[in-house]
Amino acid sequence: MEFKIDAIDDKARACTIKTAHSTIKTPIFMPVGTAASVKSLDTNDLLNILNTDIILANTYHLYLRPTDEIIAKLGGLHGFSGYKKSFLTDSGGFQAFSLSDISKAKNDGIEFKSHIDGSRHFFTPKKVLDIQYNLNSDIMMILDDLVALPATKERIEKSIKRTTKWAKESIEYHKKMQQSGIGINQNIFAIIQGGADFEFRKKSAKELTSMDFDGFAIGGLSVGEENCIMYDVVEFTTKFMPKQKPRYLMGVGTPEDIIECIDRGVDMFDCVMPTRNARNGTLFTTFGRLNIKSSKFKLDDSPIDKNCSCYTCQNYSRAYLNHLFRAKELTYYRLASIHNLHYYLTLVKEAREAIIKKEFKEFKKEFYEKRSQK
């Protein structure tokens, strides 16, 4: 991986990340493709309509189905899916958290039952990397111990100890595997934990950044805490993250969250929100959210957002999308997802341009002003 800072405006950063498969300009939003597919979209949509440079896939889900061995035999994620640009794969730690009724974190890994067939599995730091070597993703997230907020100090401290222990095992194993010719073009990111406690965040960040990871993520947020707490934790934690390596905030979030956290020094984001909300009838616009299900759009021949240049807004009306949603036509999911992802990708692209021009504060102010004019 090559990493370069192109511009800084206060704490906001514009950077360039080069992997074996693409050049990524940050700030960047990564569409979530859980099963090596962004829901309702194909590779042409991602590469030629949305012009994405990186998407996220899910280690836990792909391990269970179709299995990482099958994907490896079919050319890794790039050959299997046909998406030739970069993939980031998460570790499965979040799935263990979100499926806590069928999983249990232990000192040496995470035990879980498959949500598909109930079979039992055990993820260790090494096993998670072995799966991702088979997937051949460009950026691999290591196994971490995530806890819901609020949490006791005892539970957060245990999370940090486990996360640091697993990080040491992961980096040592990865270096060993690279020496044997495996994972040479793959990069490895550690995940800072610590809940909403500043001292625990500082401890986790210092322990992890003492190791030679290619980048660092802030994990364990947007899991029940208030937004203002999340922003404070991000602002505090980035102070302890290396300036010359990518900073990734996992699983966040709304357009407002992204703007606020760019302002606090974050480079990379992912979230299911744009595609999930699209499928449920909520569309993101420069003036806020629009509920396309509303009957008031039945005769509205205007685009979703007159300021939007996406494929959907250039070709289809609110009335047509309202009809497709009500008729449960599958085409709706594609058109709505294209629009919402275009909105997110354009938002971070414009933020980058503002940072380079040293105008990010003005850009942020205009972002909120437009939302108040709806």
Protein backbone atom coordinates (compact mmCIF):
# COMPACT_ATOMS: atom_id res chain seq x y z
CA MET A 1 0.00 0.00 0.00
CA GLU A 2 1.11 3.51 -0.79
CA PHE A 3 -0.31 6.36 1.30
CA LYS A 4 0.11 10.07 0.72
CA ILE A 5 -1.44 13.14 2.34
CA ASP A 6 -2.47 15.55 -0.42
CA ALA A 7 -3.88 18.36 1.73
CA ILE A 8 -4.91 19.18 5.29
CA ASP A 9 -7.46 21.80 6.31
CA ASP A 10 -7.37 22.09 10.10
CA LYS A 11 -7.96 18.39 11.00
CA ALA A 12 -9.73 17.38 7.77
CA ARG A 13 -7.50 15.39 5.40
CA ALA A 14 -7.41 14.65 1.66
CA CYS A 15 -5.21 11.62 1.00
CA THR A 16 -4.38 9.04 -1.67
CA ILE A 17 -4.26 5.30 -1.01
CA LYS A 18 -2.84 2.96 -3.66
CA THR A 19 -3.50 -0.78 -3.40
CA ALA A 20 -2.74 -3.54 -5.88
CA HIS A 21 -6.12 -2.96 -7.56
CA SER A 22 -6.99 0.75 -7.42
CA THR A 23 -6.11 4.28 -6.41
CA ILE A 24 -8.44 5.61 -3.73
CA LYS A 25 -8.89 9.33 -3.08
CA THR A 26 -9.98 10.16 0.44
CA PRO A 27 -12.17 11.03 2.22
CA ILE A 28 -13.87 7.92 0.83
CA PHE A 29 -17.14 6.12 1.45
CA MET A 30 -17.06 2.37 0.82
CA PRO A 31 -20.34 0.77 -0.30
CA VAL A 32 -21.10 -2.38 1.67
CA GLY A 33 -21.15 -5.58 -0.38
CA THR A 34 -21.71 -8.12 2.40
CA ALA A 35 -21.77 -11.23 0.19
CA ALA A 36 -19.34 -9.81 -2.42
CA SER A 37 -22.29 -7.96 -3.91
CA VAL A 38 -23.74 -4.54 -3.13
CA LYS A 39 -27.43 -5.35 -2.81
CA SER A 40 -29.42 -4.85 -6.07
CA LEU A 41 -26.34 -3.60 -7.99
CA ASP A 42 -23.97 -5.33 -10.40
CA THR A 43 -20.34 -4.71 -11.25
CA ASN A 44 -21.21 -2.40 -14.14
CA ASP A 45 -23.25 -0.23 -11.77
CA LEU A 46 -20.34 -0.03 -9.33
CA LEU A 47 -17.55 0.53 -11.85
CA ASN A 48 -19.14 2.52 -14.67
CA ILE A 49 -22.17 4.27 -13.18
CA LEU A 50 -21.01 4.97 -9.62
CA ASN A 51 -17.26 4.93 -10.38
CA THR A 52 -16.37 3.29 -7.08
CA ASP A 53 -12.73 2.49 -6.28
CA ILE A 54 -13.29 0.30 -3.22
CA ILE A 55 -16.13 -1.70 -1.68
CA LEU A 56 -16.45 -3.68 1.53
CA ALA A 57 -17.17 -7.41 1.81
CA ASN A 58 -17.88 -9.53 4.87
CA THR A 59 -15.49 -12.21 6.09
CA TYR A 60 -18.03 -13.91 8.36
CA HIS A 61 -20.73 -14.25 5.69
CA LEU A 62 -18.38 -15.31 2.88
CA TYR A 63 -16.71 -17.89 5.13
CA LEU A 64 -20.09 -19.50 5.73
CA ARG A 65 -21.38 -19.11 2.17
CA PRO A 66 -20.11 -19.88 -0.44
CA THR A 67 -16.92 -20.47 1.70
CA ASP A 68 -13.57 -18.82 1.27
CA GLU A 69 -12.14 -22.01 -0.28
CA ILE A 70 -14.60 -21.79 -3.18
CA ILE A 71 -13.83 -18.09 -3.66
CA ALA A 72 -10.08 -18.83 -3.66
CA LYS A 73 -10.55 -21.47 -6.38
CA LEU A 74 -12.46 -18.94 -8.49
CA GLY A 75 -9.85 -16.19 -8.40
CA GLY A 76 -10.44 -14.56 -5.03
CA LEU A 77 -13.00 -11.81 -4.59
CA HIS A 78 -11.91 -9.97 -7.74
CA GLY A 79 -12.18 -12.99 -10.02
CA PHE A 80 -15.28 -14.39 -8.31
CA SER A 81 -17.30 -11.16 -8.37
CA GLY A 82 -15.87 -9.46 -11.45
CA TYR A 83 -15.22 -6.31 -9.41
CA LYS A 84 -11.62 -5.54 -10.35
CA LYS A 85 -10.96 -2.65 -7.97
CA SER A 86 -10.20 -2.79 -4.25
CA PHE A 87 -11.96 -4.84 -1.59
CA LEU A 88 -11.82 -4.26 2.14
CA THR A 89 -12.93 -7.23 4.22
CA ASP A 90 -13.92 -6.97 7.85
CA SER A 91 -12.89 -9.61 10.37
CA GLY A 92 -16.17 -11.01 11.66
CA GLY A 93 -15.86 -9.29 15.04
CA PHE A 94 -18.89 -7.11 14.39
CA GLN A 95 -20.98 -10.11 13.36
CA ALA A 96 -20.08 -11.81 16.63
CA PHE A 97 -21.29 -8.66 18.37
CA SER A 98 -24.50 -8.32 16.36
CA LEU A 99 -25.26 -12.04 16.64
CA SER A 100 -24.40 -12.15 20.36
CA ASP A 101 -27.23 -14.57 21.10
CA ILE A 102 -25.41 -17.23 19.04
CA SER A 103 -21.79 -16.21 19.69
CA LYS A 104 -19.38 -15.88 22.60
CA ALA A 105 -16.04 -14.06 22.81
CA LYS A 106 -13.28 -15.96 24.60
CA ASN A 107 -9.66 -15.05 25.32
CA ASP A 108 -8.35 -16.89 22.26
CA GLY A 109 -11.14 -16.07 19.79
CA ILE A 110 -14.86 -15.99 19.13
CA GLU A 111 -17.12 -19.04 19.18
CA PHE A 112 -20.31 -18.81 17.18
CA LYS A 113 -23.10 -20.78 15.59
CA SER A 114 -23.91 -20.26 11.92
CA HIS A 115 -27.07 -18.23 11.39
CA ILE A 116 -27.61 -20.39 8.28
CA ASP A 117 -27.56 -23.95 9.61
CA GLY A 118 -26.61 -23.76 13.30
CA SER A 119 -23.18 -25.35 12.79
CA ARG A 120 -20.49 -24.36 15.31
CA HIS A 121 -17.37 -22.40 14.35
CA PHE A 122 -14.45 -20.70 16.09
CA PHE A 123 -12.69 -17.59 14.80
CA THR A 124 -9.14 -17.00 16.00
CA PRO A 125 -6.91 -14.12 14.85
CA LYS A 126 -5.01 -16.52 12.57
CA LYS A 127 -8.11 -18.19 11.15
CA VAL A 128 -9.66 -14.82 10.28
CA LEU A 129 -6.52 -13.89 8.33
CA ASP A 130 -6.40 -17.29 6.61
CA ILE A 131 -9.96 -16.71 5.39
CA GLN A 132 -9.02 -13.26 4.10
CA TYR A 133 -5.91 -14.62 2.35
CA ASN A 134 -8.27 -16.88 0.43
CA LEU A 135 -10.55 -13.92 -0.32
CA ASN A 136 -7.47 -11.95 -1.50
CA SER A 137 -8.90 -8.65 -0.30
CA ASP A 138 -6.74 -5.54 -0.54
CA ILE A 139 -7.34 -4.46 3.06
CA MET A 140 -7.90 -7.01 5.81
CA MET A 141 -9.32 -6.12 9.22
CA ILE A 142 -7.99 -8.12 12.16
CA LEU A 143 -10.17 -9.80 14.76
CA ASP A 144 -11.26 -7.50 17.59
CA ASP A 145 -13.55 -7.71 20.61
CA LEU A 146 -16.44 -5.28 20.20
CA VAL A 147 -18.82 -4.37 23.04
CA ALA A 148 -22.15 -2.55 23.04
CA LEU A 149 -22.46 0.82 24.76
CA PRO A 150 -23.01 1.62 27.53
CA ALA A 151 -20.68 -1.00 29.02
CA THR A 152 -18.94 -1.48 32.36
CA LYS A 153 -15.30 -0.51 32.77
CA GLU A 154 -14.52 -4.15 33.44
CA ARG A 155 -16.01 -5.26 30.12
CA ILE A 156 -14.29 -2.47 28.16
CA GLU A 157 -10.95 -3.28 29.79
CA LYS A 158 -11.38 -6.94 28.86
CA SER A 159 -12.20 -5.88 25.29
CA ILE A 160 -8.98 -3.85 25.05
CA LYS A 161 -6.83 -6.65 26.46
CA ARG A 162 -8.28 -9.13 24.01
CA THR A 163 -8.04 -6.74 21.06
CA THR A 164 -4.36 -5.97 21.82
CA LYS A 165 -3.55 -9.66 22.35
CA TRP A 166 -5.24 -10.61 19.08
CA ALA A 167 -3.52 -7.72 17.28
CA LYS A 168 -0.07 -9.01 18.32
CA GLU A 169 -0.96 -12.49 17.13
CA SER A 170 -2.31 -11.08 13.86
CA ILE A 171 0.66 -8.88 12.94
CA GLU A 172 3.19 -11.58 13.79
CA TYR A 173 1.27 -14.16 11.75
CA HIS A 174 0.81 -11.79 8.81
CA LYS A 175 4.53 -10.96 8.65
CA LYS A 176 5.35 -14.68 8.80
CA MET A 177 2.87 -15.47 6.01
CA GLN A 178 4.22 -12.68 3.80
CA GLN A 179 7.72 -14.08 4.21
CA SER A 180 6.39 -17.37 2.83
CA GLY A 181 4.81 -15.60 -0.16
CA ILE A 182 1.20 -15.37 1.09
CA GLY A 183 -0.66 -12.07 1.38
CA ILE A 184 2.17 -10.05 -0.14
CA ASN A 185 -0.19 -7.52 -1.78
CA GLN A 186 -2.65 -7.52 1.11
CA ASN A 187 -2.72 -4.85 3.81
CA ILE A 188 -3.71 -5.25 7.43
CA PHE A 189 -5.57 -2.76 9.67
CA ALA A 190 -5.96 -2.87 13.45
CA ILE A 191 -9.12 -1.71 15.24
CA ILE A 192 -8.99 0.66 18.22
CA GLN A 193 -11.52 -0.11 20.95
CA GLY A 194 -12.29 1.48 24.32
CA GLY A 195 -15.98 2.33 24.32
CA ALA A 196 -16.74 5.94 25.22
CA ASP A 197 -13.97 6.10 27.83
CA PHE A 198 -11.13 8.44 26.77
CA GLU A 199 -8.45 6.73 28.85
CA PHE A 200 -9.36 3.33 27.45
CA ARG A 201 -9.35 4.74 23.90
CA LYS A 202 -5.92 6.25 24.51
CA LYS A 203 -4.63 2.98 25.94
CA SER A 204 -5.97 0.93 23.03
CA ALA A 205 -4.68 3.40 20.43
CA LYS A 206 -1.18 3.54 21.94
CA GLU A 207 -0.92 -0.23 22.24
CA LEU A 208 -2.06 -0.87 18.67
CA THR A 209 -0.15 1.95 16.98
CA SER A 210 3.08 0.64 18.51
CA MET A 211 2.69 -2.26 16.04
CA ASP A 212 3.46 -2.08 12.33
CA PHE A 213 -0.04 -2.14 10.84
CA ASP A 214 -0.77 -0.57 7.44
CA GLY A 215 -3.68 1.45 8.81
CA PHE A 216 -5.88 1.89 11.84
CA ALA A 217 -9.63 1.88 12.39
CA ILE A 218 -11.83 3.25 15.13
CA GLY A 219 -14.28 0.52 16.08
CA GLY A 220 -16.97 0.10 18.68
CA LEU A 221 -18.93 3.25 17.86
CA SER A 222 -22.44 3.77 16.50
CA VAL A 223 -23.47 0.86 18.73
CA GLY A 224 -25.94 2.63 21.02
CA GLU A 225 -24.20 5.83 22.15
CA GLU A 226 -25.42 9.35 21.38
CA ASN A 227 -23.94 11.08 18.32
CA CYS A 228 -22.27 13.80 20.36
CA ILE A 229 -20.43 11.13 22.36
CA MET A 230 -19.31 9.42 19.17
CA TYR A 231 -17.95 12.71 17.77
CA ASP A 232 -16.05 13.41 20.99
CA VAL A 233 -14.52 9.92 21.00
CA VAL A 234 -13.47 10.24 17.35
CA GLU A 235 -11.91 13.66 17.93
CA PHE A 236 -10.01 12.37 20.94
CA THR A 237 -8.89 9.09 19.37
CA THR A 238 -7.53 10.53 16.11
CA LYS A 239 -4.95 12.44 18.16
CA PHE A 240 -3.25 9.12 18.90
CA MET A 241 -3.46 7.71 15.35
CA PRO A 242 -0.43 8.01 13.03
CA LYS A 243 -0.63 10.91 10.59
CA GLN A 244 1.04 8.92 7.80
CA LYS A 245 -1.42 6.02 7.78
CA PRO A 246 -5.12 5.74 6.83
CA ARG A 247 -7.77 6.36 9.48
CA TYR A 248 -10.99 4.37 9.13
CA LEU A 249 -14.20 4.85 11.14
CA MET A 250 -16.14 1.60 10.96
CA GLY A 251 -19.90 1.38 10.37
CA VAL A 252 -20.66 5.13 10.39
CA GLY A 253 -23.11 6.44 9.26
CA THR A 254 -25.42 9.30 8.29
CA PRO A 255 -24.28 12.11 5.94
CA GLU A 256 -24.02 14.33 9.02
CA ASP A 257 -21.84 11.75 10.78
CA ILE A 258 -19.50 11.58 7.81
CA ILE A 259 -19.10 15.36 7.55
CA GLU A 260 -18.52 15.69 11.29
CA CYS A 261 -15.93 12.94 11.35
CA ILE A 262 -14.11 14.17 8.24
CA ASP A 263 -13.83 17.41 10.20
CA ARG A 264 -12.19 15.37 12.98
CA GLY A 265 -9.56 13.74 10.77
CA VAL A 266 -11.13 10.50 9.49
CA ASP A 267 -10.30 9.26 5.96
CA MET A 268 -12.48 6.18 5.36
CA PHE A 269 -16.10 5.26 6.05
CA ASP A 270 -18.56 2.46 5.41
CA CYS A 271 -22.20 1.90 6.31
CA VAL A 272 -25.22 -0.08 5.06
CA MET A 273 -27.39 3.02 5.53
CA PRO A 274 -27.52 4.32 1.92
CA THR A 275 -28.52 0.98 0.40
CA ARG A 276 -30.72 -0.21 3.28
CA ASN A 277 -32.57 3.08 3.46
CA ALA A 278 -32.98 3.09 -0.32
CA ARG A 279 -34.71 -0.30 -0.20
CA ASN A 280 -37.00 0.97 2.55
CA GLY A 281 -38.03 4.11 0.62
CA THR A 282 -35.75 6.75 2.16
CA LEU A 283 -33.63 8.73 -0.29
CA PHE A 284 -30.80 11.13 0.60
CA THR A 285 -30.69 14.56 -1.02
CA THR A 286 -28.86 17.85 -0.66
CA PHE A 287 -31.86 19.15 1.31
CA GLY A 288 -32.18 16.13 3.62
CA ARG A 289 -34.12 12.88 3.46
CA LEU A 290 -37.06 12.21 1.14
CA ASN A 291 -39.66 9.49 1.74
CA ILE A 292 -40.49 8.28 -1.78
CA LYS A 293 -43.38 6.17 -0.42
CA SER A 294 -45.47 9.29 0.17
CA SER A 295 -48.58 9.67 -1.99
CA LYS A 296 -47.65 13.31 -2.65
CA PHE A 297 -45.12 12.08 -5.24
CA LYS A 298 -47.64 10.20 -7.40
CA LEU A 299 -47.79 13.02 -9.95
CA ASP A 300 -44.38 14.57 -9.30
CA ASP A 301 -42.40 14.49 -12.55
CA SER A 302 -39.27 16.09 -11.04
CA PRO A 303 -36.13 14.09 -10.20
CA ILE A 304 -35.38 12.97 -6.66
CA ASP A 305 -32.96 15.90 -6.31
CA LYS A 306 -32.64 18.61 -8.96
CA ASN A 307 -29.01 19.11 -7.87
CA CYS A 308 -28.10 15.46 -8.41
CA SER A 309 -26.32 14.17 -11.52
CA CYS A 310 -26.80 10.46 -10.80
CA TYR A 311 -28.13 8.01 -13.39
CA THR A 312 -31.49 7.78 -11.60
CA CYS A 313 -32.09 11.53 -11.32
CA GLN A 314 -31.07 12.08 -14.95
CA ASN A 315 -33.55 9.50 -16.25
CA TYR A 316 -36.45 8.94 -13.85
CA SER A 317 -39.01 10.95 -11.90
CA ARG A 318 -40.20 10.84 -8.33
CA ALA A 319 -43.58 9.67 -9.65
CA TYR A 320 -42.03 6.69 -11.40
CA LEU A 321 -39.97 5.71 -8.35
CA ASN A 322 -43.04 6.09 -6.15
CA HIS A 323 -44.90 3.75 -8.52
CA LEU A 324 -42.05 1.20 -8.58
CA PHE A 325 -41.84 1.15 -4.79
CA ARG A 326 -45.59 0.73 -4.34
CA ALA A 327 -45.71 -1.98 -7.02
CA LYS A 328 -42.79 -3.78 -5.34
CA GLU A 329 -40.89 -3.78 -8.61
CA LEU A 330 -37.28 -4.95 -8.22
CA THR A 331 -36.06 -2.14 -10.50
CA TYR A 332 -36.85 0.28 -7.68
CA TYR A 333 -34.11 -1.18 -5.46
CA ARG A 334 -31.45 -0.67 -8.12
CA LEU A 335 -32.45 2.88 -9.03
CA ALA A 336 -32.83 3.98 -5.40
CA SER A 337 -29.53 2.38 -4.36
CA ILE A 338 -27.70 4.05 -7.26
CA HIS A 339 -29.05 7.41 -6.16
CA ASN A 340 -28.23 7.04 -2.46
CA LEU A 341 -24.71 5.74 -3.11
CA HIS A 342 -24.09 8.48 -5.67
CA TYR A 343 -25.14 11.00 -3.03
CA TYR A 344 -22.67 9.57 -0.48
CA LEU A 345 -19.83 9.27 -2.98
CA THR A 346 -20.41 12.80 -4.25
CA LEU A 347 -20.53 14.13 -0.69
CA VAL A 348 -17.06 12.78 0.14
CA LYS A 349 -15.70 13.85 -3.25
CA GLU A 350 -16.90 17.42 -2.71
CA ALA A 351 -15.49 17.33 0.84
CA ARG A 352 -12.11 16.35 -0.62
CA GLU A 353 -12.23 19.23 -3.10
CA ALA A 354 -13.06 21.64 -0.28
CA ILE A 355 -10.16 20.35 1.85
CA ILE A 356 -7.72 20.82 -1.03
CA LYS A 357 -8.99 24.39 -1.47
CA LYS A 358 -8.75 24.99 2.31
CA GLU A 359 -12.51 25.65 2.32
CA PHE A 360 -13.82 22.72 4.35
CA LYS A 361 -15.37 24.86 7.11
CA GLU A 362 -17.34 26.79 4.49
CA PHE A 363 -18.33 23.52 2.80
CA LYS A 364 -19.57 22.11 6.12
CA LYS A 365 -21.56 25.27 6.83
CA GLU A 366 -23.20 25.14 3.37
CA PHE A 367 -23.97 21.43 3.87
CA TYR A 368 -26.07 22.24 6.93
CA GLU A 369 -27.61 25.37 5.40
CA LYS A 370 -28.94 23.39 2.43
CA ARG A 371 -30.59 20.93 4.83
CA SER A 372 -32.37 23.73 6.64
CA GLN A 373 -33.93 25.02 3.40
CA LYS A 374 -36.06 21.97 2.58
